[in-house]
């Protein structure tokens, strides 16, 4: 009997579970902790985890000197809690971009006109008058008009798809560049150093200050008149004051407007608040097999507990939410808006109207003119035949 091979997802899940056993807390518990707010969050932190000191012990973090530079410890944290990045959603294929371009109502009308033109070009009345008017051995060239419309539509579709494909590549290139350039201050071995945002792990001690955009979720260890703008997540326009004993939780993607602080990182990447937003927007990459396994687990938990624990689906890189400069903020807004537009197009079920370049507009205009000329000629021909 053949042995069933383990999939990559199964192996990753086993290694992640084994790594999580090294710590006194799992990323599921950290996610739930980050969802608490205000006085409730302080009570949960103190009663369940023994306050900041107890949480630091569970995460094996020194709240003063930070993590060590031990590569094995960093690798263990990556396996247990994940990396501070979100797997990017696969780009659309060129064929999919062509299909999207064909959704334009003008092109659909032109295709219908071309089909009608082809049909009329091969249809001839059988009456004697028409047969007498036909010249012997006259070639049938009426189909060329319909073919011209089809060629014009194909050119417009190819140009539109190529432009969209080029823009998407440029956008991803800009995103990758911003990611690689972004760094953040962390405390390791009692030394403040700058590391790439994607290298931040759960248990790191980050130093945040005025103007920073938080790269991960965490809890305040030490603060100095810290005020946060959480409008990007909660819609609350007023600045929120954060302190160790009053609403200490900091959310990724929010701005430091006043003061400074030290933060113990509790959630990164797809488990952070910004990562969850990207999941809800569908801006993530997740294999069908992984979705199936996750759904089966949720259903099993629902039968046992009476309620299925809904898990959020796994992004484009956290780039915009994980930066400390204005460019990262703009990229986040552009990316979220792009995903919303994509979701809107998919849900509408109708034709979408897209902005066109000058070349696309000229090609579309040419195709429309060909269609009008074809309809005029066919109408004139039918009048003559009748």
Protein backbone atom coordinates (compact mmCIF):
# COMPACT_ATOMS: atom_id res chain seq x y z
CA UNK A 1 0.00 0.00 0.00
CA UNK A 2 1.50 3.28 -1.11
CA UNK A 3 2.34 5.77 1.59
CA UNK A 4 0.64 9.14 1.38
CA UNK A 5 3.17 11.88 0.73
CA UNK A 6 3.17 14.92 2.97
CA UNK A 7 2.43 18.17 1.21
CA UNK A 8 4.50 21.31 1.65
CA UNK A 9 1.67 22.94 3.60
CA UNK A 10 1.51 19.98 6.01
CA UNK A 11 5.26 20.16 6.58
CA UNK A 12 5.14 23.90 7.19
CA UNK A 13 2.23 23.47 9.60
CA UNK A 14 4.06 20.79 11.57
CA UNK A 15 7.26 22.83 11.77
CA UNK A 16 5.30 25.93 12.80
CA UNK A 17 3.48 24.00 15.55
CA UNK A 18 6.75 22.52 16.80
CA UNK A 19 8.34 25.97 16.89
CA UNK A 20 5.34 27.42 18.74
CA UNK A 21 5.85 24.87 21.53
CA UNK A 22 9.16 26.59 22.32
CA UNK A 23 7.22 29.65 23.47
CA UNK A 24 4.55 30.00 26.12
CA UNK A 25 2.06 31.60 23.75
CA UNK A 26 0.80 31.03 20.20
CA UNK A 27 0.10 33.56 17.46
CA UNK A 28 -3.64 32.79 17.82
CA UNK A 29 -3.52 33.97 21.42
CA UNK A 30 -1.54 37.04 20.40
CA UNK A 31 -4.12 37.86 17.72
CA UNK A 32 -6.93 37.69 20.27
CA UNK A 33 -4.94 39.83 22.67
CA UNK A 34 -4.42 42.49 19.99
CA UNK A 35 -8.17 42.61 19.34
CA UNK A 36 -8.86 43.85 22.88
CA UNK A 37 -9.02 47.59 23.52
CA UNK A 38 -8.70 50.06 26.38
CA UNK A 39 -9.31 48.89 29.94
CA UNK A 40 -10.35 45.43 28.74
CA UNK A 41 -6.99 44.97 27.07
CA UNK A 42 -5.10 46.00 30.20
CA UNK A 43 -7.11 43.55 32.33
CA UNK A 44 -6.54 40.71 29.85
CA UNK A 45 -2.83 41.46 29.70
CA UNK A 46 -2.44 41.55 33.48
CA UNK A 47 -4.76 38.69 34.48
CA UNK A 48 -4.06 36.22 31.67
CA UNK A 49 -0.41 36.84 30.87
CA UNK A 50 0.94 38.43 34.03
CA UNK A 51 1.46 41.89 32.60
CA UNK A 52 4.34 43.02 30.39
CA UNK A 53 6.94 41.06 32.34
CA UNK A 54 4.94 37.84 32.06
CA UNK A 55 4.35 38.38 28.35
CA UNK A 56 8.06 39.03 27.85
CA UNK A 57 8.91 35.77 29.63
CA UNK A 58 6.50 33.80 27.44
CA UNK A 59 8.09 35.32 24.33
CA UNK A 60 11.60 34.86 25.77
CA UNK A 61 12.31 38.56 25.33
CA UNK A 62 14.28 40.87 27.60
CA UNK A 63 12.21 44.07 27.73
CA UNK A 64 15.35 46.17 28.25
CA UNK A 65 18.06 44.63 26.07
CA UNK A 66 15.76 43.14 23.44
CA UNK A 67 16.47 39.98 21.46
CA UNK A 68 19.87 38.49 20.84
CA UNK A 69 21.52 38.20 17.44
CA UNK A 70 21.31 34.40 17.56
CA UNK A 71 20.23 33.24 14.10
CA UNK A 72 18.63 30.07 15.47
CA UNK A 73 16.41 32.13 17.80
CA UNK A 74 15.34 34.41 14.94
CA UNK A 75 14.60 31.41 12.70
CA UNK A 76 12.55 29.81 15.48
CA UNK A 77 10.45 32.95 15.83
CA UNK A 78 9.91 33.13 12.08
CA UNK A 79 8.68 29.54 12.08
CA UNK A 80 6.41 30.06 15.08
CA UNK A 81 4.91 33.49 14.36
CA UNK A 82 5.58 34.15 10.68
CA UNK A 83 7.55 36.72 8.72
CA UNK A 84 6.71 40.41 8.66
CA UNK A 85 5.45 40.37 5.10
CA UNK A 86 2.40 39.19 3.22
CA UNK A 87 2.72 36.86 0.20
CA UNK A 88 1.82 38.95 -2.84
CA UNK A 89 -1.22 38.12 -4.89
CA UNK A 90 -0.23 36.59 -8.25
CA UNK A 91 -0.43 39.12 -11.10
CA UNK A 92 -3.14 38.75 -13.70
CA UNK A 93 -2.16 36.79 -16.77
CA UNK A 94 -2.08 38.51 -20.15
CA UNK A 95 -5.07 36.42 -21.24
CA UNK A 96 -7.07 37.61 -18.20
CA UNK A 97 -6.17 41.21 -19.03
CA UNK A 98 -7.44 40.65 -22.57
CA UNK A 99 -10.71 39.28 -21.21
CA UNK A 100 -11.04 42.32 -18.95
CA UNK A 101 -10.43 44.63 -21.90
CA UNK A 102 -13.21 42.89 -23.84
CA UNK A 103 -15.71 43.90 -21.15
CA UNK A 104 -15.84 47.40 -22.64
CA UNK A 105 -19.38 48.00 -23.91
CA UNK A 106 -18.15 49.70 -27.10
CA UNK A 107 -16.05 46.71 -28.09
CA UNK A 108 -18.95 44.35 -27.38
CA UNK A 109 -21.19 46.37 -29.71
CA UNK A 110 -18.52 46.30 -32.43
CA UNK A 111 -18.16 42.53 -32.12
CA UNK A 112 -21.92 42.14 -32.51
CA UNK A 113 -21.80 44.38 -35.60
CA UNK A 114 -19.00 42.26 -37.05
CA UNK A 115 -21.01 39.08 -36.53
CA UNK A 116 -24.03 40.65 -38.24
CA UNK A 117 -21.80 41.82 -41.08
CA UNK A 118 -20.40 38.32 -41.58
CA UNK A 119 -23.89 36.88 -41.64
CA UNK A 120 -25.16 39.37 -44.20
CA UNK A 121 -22.10 38.94 -46.41
CA UNK A 122 -22.95 35.28 -46.97
CA UNK A 123 -26.68 35.78 -47.30
CA UNK A 124 -28.09 36.37 -50.80
CA UNK A 125 -31.79 36.57 -51.80
CA UNK A 126 -32.95 33.81 -54.14
CA UNK A 127 -35.24 35.94 -56.29
CA UNK A 128 -34.59 36.16 -60.04
CA UNK A 129 -34.06 39.94 -60.05
CA UNK A 130 -31.14 39.69 -57.67
CA UNK A 131 -29.65 36.75 -59.51
CA UNK A 132 -29.86 38.65 -62.76
CA UNK A 133 -28.02 41.61 -61.27
CA UNK A 134 -25.13 39.44 -60.14
CA UNK A 135 -22.18 39.53 -62.46
CA UNK A 136 -20.86 36.13 -63.47
CA UNK A 137 -17.75 35.04 -61.60
CA UNK A 138 -17.97 38.04 -59.24
CA UNK A 139 -15.89 37.46 -56.11
CA UNK A 140 -17.60 37.74 -52.72
CA UNK A 141 -15.63 40.44 -50.86
CA UNK A 142 -18.36 41.66 -48.53
CA UNK A 143 -16.91 39.66 -45.65
CA UNK A 144 -13.87 41.98 -45.59
CA UNK A 145 -15.89 44.67 -43.83
CA UNK A 146 -16.71 42.36 -40.91
CA UNK A 147 -13.12 41.18 -40.80
CA UNK A 148 -11.93 44.79 -40.62
CA UNK A 149 -14.08 45.37 -37.53
CA UNK A 150 -12.70 42.23 -35.87
CA UNK A 151 -9.12 43.27 -36.63
CA UNK A 152 -9.76 46.72 -35.14
CA UNK A 153 -11.24 45.17 -31.98
CA UNK A 154 -8.29 42.77 -31.64
CA UNK A 155 -5.81 45.65 -31.93
CA UNK A 156 -7.65 47.66 -29.26
CA UNK A 157 -7.79 44.65 -26.91
CA UNK A 158 -4.10 43.83 -27.34
CA UNK A 159 -3.02 47.43 -26.76
CA UNK A 160 -5.23 47.76 -23.68
CA UNK A 161 -4.02 44.45 -22.20
CA UNK A 162 -0.37 45.31 -22.87
CA UNK A 163 -0.73 48.72 -21.22
CA UNK A 164 -2.39 47.19 -18.15
CA UNK A 165 0.29 44.49 -17.95
CA UNK A 166 3.05 47.11 -18.15
CA UNK A 167 1.45 49.30 -15.48
CA UNK A 168 1.08 46.34 -13.13
CA UNK A 169 4.74 45.42 -13.53
CA UNK A 170 5.79 49.01 -12.85
CA UNK A 171 3.60 49.14 -9.76
CA UNK A 172 5.05 45.92 -8.36
CA UNK A 173 8.58 47.14 -9.10
CA UNK A 174 7.94 50.38 -7.22
CA UNK A 175 6.47 48.44 -4.34
CA UNK A 176 9.49 46.13 -4.11
CA UNK A 177 11.86 49.10 -4.17
CA UNK A 178 10.03 50.85 -1.33
CA UNK A 179 10.04 47.62 0.70
CA UNK A 180 13.77 47.11 0.32
CA UNK A 181 14.54 50.74 1.27
CA UNK A 182 12.45 50.78 4.44
CA UNK A 183 14.17 50.17 7.76
CA UNK A 184 13.13 50.50 11.40
CA UNK A 185 14.88 50.95 14.75
CA UNK A 186 14.96 47.89 17.01
CA UNK A 187 16.85 47.04 20.19
CA UNK A 188 18.98 43.89 19.97
CA UNK A 189 21.70 42.98 22.45
CA UNK A 190 21.01 46.33 24.15
CA UNK A 191 22.07 48.13 20.96
CA UNK A 192 19.73 50.24 18.83
CA UNK A 193 20.11 49.28 15.19
CA UNK A 194 18.19 49.68 11.95
CA UNK A 195 16.97 46.54 10.22
CA UNK A 196 14.72 45.99 7.18
CA UNK A 197 11.04 45.99 8.12
CA UNK A 198 10.57 42.43 6.84
CA UNK A 199 13.24 41.21 9.32
CA UNK A 200 11.25 42.36 12.37
CA UNK A 201 10.03 39.34 14.35
CA UNK A 202 7.64 38.76 17.22
CA UNK A 203 9.47 39.57 20.45
CA UNK A 204 11.51 42.44 19.02
CA UNK A 205 11.67 45.72 20.94
CA UNK A 206 11.03 48.56 18.47
CA UNK A 207 11.72 52.22 19.11
CA UNK A 208 8.95 54.38 17.69
CA UNK A 209 8.90 58.16 17.42
CA UNK A 210 7.01 61.07 15.90
CA UNK A 211 6.34 60.57 12.18
CA UNK A 212 6.74 56.78 12.13
CA UNK A 213 4.25 54.42 10.54
CA UNK A 214 4.04 51.33 12.74
CA UNK A 215 5.35 48.23 10.92
CA UNK A 216 3.71 45.64 13.19
CA UNK A 217 1.27 45.20 16.06
CA UNK A 218 2.61 45.48 19.57
CA UNK A 219 2.22 46.66 23.14
CA UNK A 220 3.79 49.73 24.74
CA UNK A 221 6.69 48.90 27.05
CA UNK A 222 7.72 52.47 27.78
CA UNK A 223 6.19 55.72 26.48
CA UNK A 224 6.77 59.45 26.54
CA UNK A 225 3.58 61.45 25.79
CA UNK A 226 2.70 59.04 22.98
CA UNK A 227 -0.28 59.89 20.76
CA UNK A 228 -1.43 57.83 17.79
CA UNK A 229 -3.55 58.59 14.73
CA UNK A 230 -5.69 55.45 14.20
CA UNK A 231 -8.01 56.98 11.60
CA UNK A 232 -6.67 54.67 8.88
CA UNK A 233 -8.06 51.65 10.77
CA UNK A 234 -10.86 52.88 13.01
CA UNK A 235 -11.97 56.09 11.33
CA UNK A 236 -11.48 57.95 14.61
CA UNK A 237 -10.09 61.40 13.79
CA UNK A 238 -9.01 62.26 17.36
CA UNK A 239 -5.52 61.33 18.47
CA UNK A 240 -5.40 58.37 20.88
CA UNK A 241 -3.09 58.61 23.87
CA UNK A 242 -1.19 55.40 24.58
CA UNK A 243 0.38 54.38 27.88
CA UNK A 244 1.53 51.17 29.54
CA UNK A 245 -1.38 51.28 31.98
CA UNK A 246 -4.01 52.74 29.64
CA UNK A 247 -4.76 51.39 26.17
CA UNK A 248 -1.21 50.08 25.56
CA UNK A 249 -1.78 48.28 22.25
CA UNK A 250 -0.34 49.73 19.02
CA UNK A 251 -1.67 48.71 15.60
CA UNK A 252 0.29 48.40 12.38
CA UNK A 253 -0.49 51.00 9.75
CA UNK A 254 -1.17 53.76 12.30
CA UNK A 255 0.88 56.96 12.62
CA UNK A 256 2.87 58.26 15.57
CA UNK A 257 1.78 61.89 15.82
CA UNK A 258 3.39 62.89 19.13
CA UNK A 259 5.95 61.53 21.55
CA UNK A 260 8.02 58.35 21.46
CA UNK A 261 7.92 54.86 22.93
CA UNK A 262 9.33 51.36 23.02
CA UNK A 263 7.06 48.64 21.66
CA UNK A 264 7.12 44.87 22.15
CA UNK A 265 6.13 43.31 18.81
CA UNK A 266 3.24 40.84 19.17
CA UNK A 267 1.96 40.28 15.61
CA UNK A 268 3.59 40.61 12.20
CA UNK A 269 2.70 40.12 8.56
CA UNK A 270 -0.59 38.42 7.84
CA UNK A 271 -1.44 38.21 11.56
CA UNK A 272 -1.22 41.98 12.10
CA UNK A 273 -4.21 44.33 11.81
CA UNK A 274 -3.07 45.68 8.46
CA UNK A 275 -2.49 42.15 7.20
CA UNK A 276 -6.05 41.23 8.18
CA UNK A 277 -7.40 44.20 6.22
CA UNK A 278 -5.51 43.06 3.14
CA UNK A 279 -6.97 39.58 3.59
CA UNK A 280 -10.51 40.94 3.77
CA UNK A 281 -9.87 42.93 0.60
CA UNK A 282 -8.76 39.77 -1.17
CA UNK A 283 -5.28 41.15 -1.74
CA UNK A 284 -3.60 37.93 -0.72
CA UNK A 285 -2.26 34.74 -2.21
CA UNK A 286 -3.49 31.44 -0.82
CA UNK A 287 -3.41 28.03 -2.45
CA UNK A 288 -6.70 26.23 -3.03
CA UNK A 289 -5.39 23.27 -1.06
CA UNK A 290 -4.59 25.50 1.91
CA UNK A 291 -8.10 27.00 1.78
CA UNK A 292 -9.67 23.54 1.72
CA UNK A 293 -7.64 22.35 4.71
CA UNK A 294 -8.48 25.51 6.64
CA UNK A 295 -12.22 25.19 5.90
CA UNK A 296 -12.24 21.56 7.07
CA UNK A 297 -10.57 22.55 10.34
CA UNK A 298 -13.08 25.36 10.89
CA UNK A 299 -16.02 23.00 10.29
CA UNK A 300 -14.56 20.46 12.71
CA UNK A 301 -14.12 23.11 15.38
CA UNK A 302 -17.70 24.23 14.79
CA UNK A 303 -19.06 20.75 15.47
CA UNK A 304 -17.11 20.44 18.71
CA UNK A 305 -17.46 23.95 20.07
CA UNK A 306 -20.82 24.81 18.51
CA UNK A 307 -19.27 27.70 16.65
CA UNK A 308 -16.75 27.83 13.80
CA UNK A 309 -13.86 30.14 14.44
CA UNK A 310 -13.74 32.21 11.29
CA UNK A 311 -10.21 32.69 10.21
CA UNK A 312 -9.09 35.47 7.91
CA UNK A 313 -7.62 34.47 4.55
CA UNK A 314 -3.75 34.84 4.12
CA UNK A 315 -1.18 39.61 0.60
CA UNK A 316 0.56 42.08 -1.29
CA UNK A 317 3.36 42.94 0.73
CA UNK A 318 2.64 44.98 3.79
CA UNK A 319 4.75 47.71 2.23
CA UNK A 320 2.43 50.63 2.79
CA UNK A 321 1.51 49.63 6.34
CA UNK A 322 5.05 48.74 7.27
CA UNK A 323 6.96 51.87 6.57
CA UNK A 324 8.02 54.95 8.39
CA UNK A 325 7.80 57.49 5.61
CA UNK A 326 5.24 59.29 3.47
CA UNK A 327 5.91 57.18 0.36
CA UNK A 328 4.85 54.02 2.18
CA UNK A 329 1.57 55.64 3.22
CA UNK A 330 0.79 56.66 -0.36
CA UNK A 331 1.58 53.17 -1.64
CA UNK A 332 -0.78 51.62 0.93
CA UNK A 333 -3.62 53.92 -0.12
CA UNK A 334 -3.03 53.23 -3.82
CA UNK A 335 -2.91 49.48 -3.26
CA UNK A 336 -6.07 49.35 -1.14
CA UNK A 337 -7.91 51.53 -3.65
CA UNK A 338 -6.74 49.24 -6.44
CA UNK A 339 -8.05 46.15 -4.66
CA UNK A 340 -11.38 47.85 -3.94
CA UNK A 341 -11.73 48.75 -7.61
CA UNK A 342 -10.96 45.16 -8.58
CA UNK A 343 -13.50 43.81 -6.10
CA UNK A 344 -16.07 46.28 -7.37
CA UNK A 345 -15.58 45.16 -10.95
CA UNK A 346 -15.95 41.52 -9.99
CA UNK A 347 -19.13 42.12 -7.96
CA UNK A 348 -20.88 44.39 -10.45
CA UNK A 349 -21.26 41.65 -13.03
CA UNK A 350 -21.59 44.29 -15.76
CA UNK A 351 -19.32 46.05 -18.14
CA UNK A 352 -16.57 48.19 -16.70
CA UNK A 353 -15.53 51.58 -17.98
CA UNK A 354 -11.78 52.08 -17.84
CA UNK A 355 -9.61 55.10 -18.41
CA UNK A 356 -7.87 54.87 -21.76
CA UNK A 357 -4.62 56.22 -23.05
CA UNK A 358 -4.56 58.49 -26.10
CA UNK A 359 -3.61 55.58 -28.38
CA UNK A 360 -6.39 53.39 -26.99
CA UNK A 361 -8.92 56.19 -27.48
CA UNK A 362 -7.87 56.68 -31.11
CA UNK A 363 -8.04 52.96 -31.85
CA UNK A 364 -11.48 52.71 -30.26
CA UNK A 365 -12.68 55.70 -32.28
CA UNK A 366 -11.35 54.07 -35.46
CA UNK A 367 -13.16 50.83 -34.65
CA UNK A 368 -16.41 52.74 -34.04
CA UNK A 369 -16.09 54.57 -37.36
CA UNK A 370 -15.54 51.28 -39.17
CA UNK A 371 -18.63 49.89 -37.48
CA UNK A 372 -20.75 52.88 -38.51
CA UNK A 373 -19.52 52.62 -42.10
CA UNK A 374 -20.32 48.92 -42.15
CA UNK A 375 -23.85 49.45 -40.84
CA UNK A 376 -24.44 52.22 -43.38
CA UNK A 377 -23.24 50.07 -46.28
CA UNK A 378 -25.30 47.08 -45.18
CA UNK A 379 -28.42 49.21 -44.79
CA UNK A 380 -27.90 50.72 -48.23
CA UNK A 381 -27.36 47.27 -49.74
CA UNK A 382 -30.54 45.87 -48.18
CA UNK A 383 -32.52 48.80 -49.57
CA UNK A 384 -31.19 48.09 -53.06
CA UNK A 385 -32.03 44.40 -52.80
CA UNK A 386 -35.56 45.17 -51.70
